[in-house]
Each structure stands twice: as C-alpha cells, then as structure tokens.
N, C-alpha and C. Protein backbone atom coordinates (compact mmCIF):
# COMPACT_ATOMS: atom_id res chain seq x y z
N UNK A 1 106.57 -165.84 81.99
CA UNK A 1 105.35 -165.25 81.51
C UNK A 1 104.28 -166.33 81.44
N UNK A 2 103.10 -166.07 81.89
CA UNK A 2 102.05 -167.08 81.77
C UNK A 2 101.59 -167.26 80.33
N UNK A 3 101.12 -168.44 80.03
CA UNK A 3 100.60 -168.74 78.70
C UNK A 3 99.48 -167.76 78.34
N UNK A 4 99.47 -167.34 77.09
CA UNK A 4 98.41 -166.46 76.60
C UNK A 4 98.67 -164.98 76.81
N UNK A 5 99.75 -164.61 77.47
CA UNK A 5 100.07 -163.21 77.69
C UNK A 5 100.83 -162.68 76.48
N UNK A 6 100.27 -161.70 75.82
CA UNK A 6 100.94 -161.10 74.66
C UNK A 6 102.21 -160.39 75.13
N UNK A 7 103.27 -160.48 74.35
CA UNK A 7 104.54 -159.87 74.73
C UNK A 7 105.39 -159.58 73.50
N UNK A 8 106.40 -158.76 73.68
CA UNK A 8 107.33 -158.41 72.61
C UNK A 8 108.64 -157.98 73.27
N UNK A 9 109.67 -157.82 72.46
CA UNK A 9 110.95 -157.34 72.97
C UNK A 9 111.60 -156.49 71.90
N UNK A 10 112.49 -155.60 72.33
CA UNK A 10 113.28 -154.82 71.38
C UNK A 10 114.59 -154.43 72.05
N UNK A 11 115.57 -154.16 71.25
CA UNK A 11 116.86 -153.68 71.73
C UNK A 11 116.77 -152.16 71.78
N UNK A 12 116.84 -151.59 72.97
CA UNK A 12 116.73 -150.14 73.11
C UNK A 12 118.08 -149.44 73.25
N UNK A 13 119.16 -150.20 73.10
CA UNK A 13 120.50 -149.61 73.23
C UNK A 13 121.21 -149.54 71.90
N UNK A 14 122.37 -148.88 71.87
CA UNK A 14 123.11 -148.72 70.62
C UNK A 14 123.93 -149.96 70.24
N UNK A 15 124.16 -150.87 71.18
CA UNK A 15 124.96 -152.06 70.92
C UNK A 15 124.11 -153.18 70.31
N UNK A 16 124.73 -154.09 69.59
CA UNK A 16 124.04 -155.27 69.10
C UNK A 16 123.62 -156.12 70.29
N UNK A 17 122.40 -156.55 70.31
CA UNK A 17 121.87 -157.32 71.44
C UNK A 17 122.08 -158.81 71.24
N UNK A 18 122.16 -159.51 72.34
CA UNK A 18 122.16 -160.97 72.34
C UNK A 18 121.00 -161.37 73.25
N UNK A 19 120.19 -162.32 72.78
CA UNK A 19 118.99 -162.71 73.51
C UNK A 19 119.00 -164.21 73.71
N UNK A 20 118.60 -164.64 74.89
CA UNK A 20 118.44 -166.06 75.18
C UNK A 20 116.98 -166.30 75.49
N UNK A 21 116.32 -167.13 74.69
CA UNK A 21 114.93 -167.48 74.91
C UNK A 21 114.86 -168.89 75.47
N UNK A 22 114.06 -169.09 76.48
CA UNK A 22 113.81 -170.41 77.05
C UNK A 22 112.32 -170.69 76.91
N UNK A 23 111.99 -171.86 76.38
CA UNK A 23 110.59 -172.24 76.17
C UNK A 23 110.23 -173.40 77.09
N UNK A 24 109.19 -173.20 77.90
CA UNK A 24 108.66 -174.30 78.70
C UNK A 24 107.15 -174.23 78.65
N UNK A 25 106.45 -175.24 78.27
CA UNK A 25 107.01 -176.48 77.76
C UNK A 25 107.74 -176.22 76.45
N UNK A 26 108.61 -177.12 76.09
CA UNK A 26 109.56 -176.89 75.02
C UNK A 26 108.97 -176.98 73.61
N UNK A 27 107.70 -177.23 73.44
CA UNK A 27 107.11 -177.39 72.11
C UNK A 27 107.35 -176.21 71.20
N UNK A 28 107.29 -174.98 71.72
CA UNK A 28 107.46 -173.80 70.88
C UNK A 28 108.86 -173.72 70.29
N UNK A 29 109.85 -174.24 70.99
CA UNK A 29 111.21 -174.23 70.48
C UNK A 29 111.40 -175.14 69.29
N UNK A 30 110.42 -176.01 69.03
CA UNK A 30 110.49 -176.90 67.89
C UNK A 30 110.59 -176.18 66.56
N UNK A 31 110.09 -174.94 66.50
CA UNK A 31 110.20 -174.15 65.26
C UNK A 31 111.66 -174.00 64.88
N UNK A 32 112.51 -173.66 65.85
CA UNK A 32 113.93 -173.47 65.58
C UNK A 32 114.61 -174.80 65.28
N UNK A 33 114.21 -175.85 65.99
CA UNK A 33 114.77 -177.17 65.71
C UNK A 33 114.43 -177.62 64.29
N UNK A 34 113.19 -177.36 63.87
CA UNK A 34 112.77 -177.72 62.51
C UNK A 34 113.57 -176.95 61.47
N UNK A 35 113.72 -175.65 61.65
CA UNK A 35 114.46 -174.86 60.65
C UNK A 35 115.92 -175.28 60.61
N UNK A 36 116.49 -175.65 61.76
CA UNK A 36 117.88 -176.13 61.77
C UNK A 36 117.98 -177.49 61.08
N UNK A 37 117.02 -178.38 61.35
CA UNK A 37 117.03 -179.70 60.73
C UNK A 37 116.92 -179.58 59.21
N UNK A 38 116.11 -178.63 58.75
CA UNK A 38 115.94 -178.41 57.31
C UNK A 38 117.05 -177.54 56.72
N UNK A 39 117.92 -177.04 57.59
CA UNK A 39 119.01 -176.14 57.19
C UNK A 39 118.46 -174.93 56.44
N UNK A 40 117.44 -174.33 57.03
CA UNK A 40 116.81 -173.14 56.45
C UNK A 40 116.83 -172.02 57.47
N UNK A 41 117.11 -170.82 57.01
CA UNK A 41 117.02 -169.65 57.89
C UNK A 41 115.56 -169.20 57.93
N UNK A 42 115.23 -168.43 58.93
CA UNK A 42 113.87 -167.89 59.05
C UNK A 42 113.50 -167.11 57.80
N UNK A 43 114.45 -166.34 57.28
CA UNK A 43 114.19 -165.51 56.10
C UNK A 43 113.87 -166.32 54.85
N UNK A 44 114.30 -167.60 54.83
CA UNK A 44 114.07 -168.41 53.64
C UNK A 44 112.66 -169.00 53.57
N UNK A 45 111.91 -168.93 54.67
CA UNK A 45 110.55 -169.46 54.67
C UNK A 45 109.61 -168.48 53.99
N UNK A 46 108.77 -168.95 53.09
CA UNK A 46 107.70 -168.13 52.53
C UNK A 46 106.67 -167.90 53.63
N UNK A 47 105.87 -166.84 53.53
CA UNK A 47 104.94 -166.50 54.60
C UNK A 47 103.98 -167.64 54.92
N UNK A 48 103.51 -168.38 53.91
CA UNK A 48 102.59 -169.49 54.20
C UNK A 48 103.32 -170.63 54.91
N UNK A 49 104.61 -170.82 54.61
CA UNK A 49 105.40 -171.83 55.31
C UNK A 49 105.60 -171.44 56.78
N UNK A 50 105.82 -170.16 57.02
CA UNK A 50 105.99 -169.69 58.40
C UNK A 50 104.71 -169.89 59.19
N UNK A 51 103.57 -169.52 58.61
CA UNK A 51 102.29 -169.71 59.31
C UNK A 51 102.06 -171.17 59.64
N UNK A 52 102.35 -172.07 58.72
CA UNK A 52 102.18 -173.51 58.97
C UNK A 52 103.14 -173.99 60.05
N UNK A 53 104.38 -173.51 60.02
CA UNK A 53 105.36 -173.91 61.04
C UNK A 53 104.95 -173.36 62.40
N UNK A 54 104.49 -172.12 62.46
CA UNK A 54 104.01 -171.56 63.73
C UNK A 54 102.89 -172.44 64.28
N UNK A 55 101.94 -172.80 63.45
CA UNK A 55 100.80 -173.61 63.90
C UNK A 55 101.29 -174.96 64.44
N UNK A 56 102.23 -175.60 63.73
CA UNK A 56 102.75 -176.91 64.18
C UNK A 56 103.40 -176.82 65.55
N UNK A 57 104.02 -175.67 65.83
CA UNK A 57 104.79 -175.54 67.07
C UNK A 57 104.09 -174.65 68.09
N UNK A 58 102.79 -174.41 67.87
CA UNK A 58 101.91 -173.73 68.82
C UNK A 58 102.31 -172.28 69.09
N UNK A 59 102.76 -171.59 68.03
CA UNK A 59 103.03 -170.16 68.12
C UNK A 59 101.80 -169.43 67.60
N UNK A 60 101.55 -168.25 68.10
CA UNK A 60 100.46 -167.43 67.60
C UNK A 60 100.89 -165.97 67.60
N UNK A 61 100.78 -165.33 66.45
CA UNK A 61 101.06 -163.90 66.34
C UNK A 61 99.72 -163.19 66.54
N UNK A 62 99.62 -162.34 67.54
CA UNK A 62 98.32 -161.75 67.88
C UNK A 62 98.19 -160.29 67.44
N UNK A 63 99.21 -159.74 66.83
CA UNK A 63 99.11 -158.35 66.35
C UNK A 63 100.48 -157.78 66.13
N UNK A 64 100.54 -156.52 65.72
CA UNK A 64 101.85 -155.90 65.50
C UNK A 64 102.55 -155.70 66.85
N UNK A 65 103.89 -155.65 66.85
CA UNK A 65 104.61 -155.42 68.09
C UNK A 65 104.19 -154.10 68.72
N UNK A 66 104.01 -154.10 70.04
CA UNK A 66 103.56 -152.86 70.70
C UNK A 66 104.67 -151.83 70.92
N UNK A 67 105.90 -152.19 70.57
CA UNK A 67 107.03 -151.29 70.86
C UNK A 67 107.41 -150.46 69.66
C-alpha cells in the first residue's frame, strides 16, 4: 500500500484470524517493539499514552474504520 492511503482490515469469517503485518520502512513497527520492551499490552496504555506512542512511531488514525 502506498504511504498515505487510508486502510483497515477485519475478519469476515467464523474462525479466529491470524494476521501478519509487515512495515516498510520499519519505523511504524517500533510501536510494537516499544510495548514489548516495556512489557505492556496495547490495552494497558491510556489513550494519551497511545496517541504519544503513535506520534513517535509515525502512525496516524484518520477516522473510524470503514468496515
């Protein structure tokens, strides 16, 4: 996907999904590396912590999921 293209995903089947995300350049994957280094799950971040982490790792939420 080119940079700047809004996108989303969902599991449309009855089975539990497994997803593999690849980030290039790899800066965006730093969010997961940071949470692992801090031994924190995504759910443990307060909303302001998530926004700051997204900004550090160049993530941007542009609206509600379209699905």
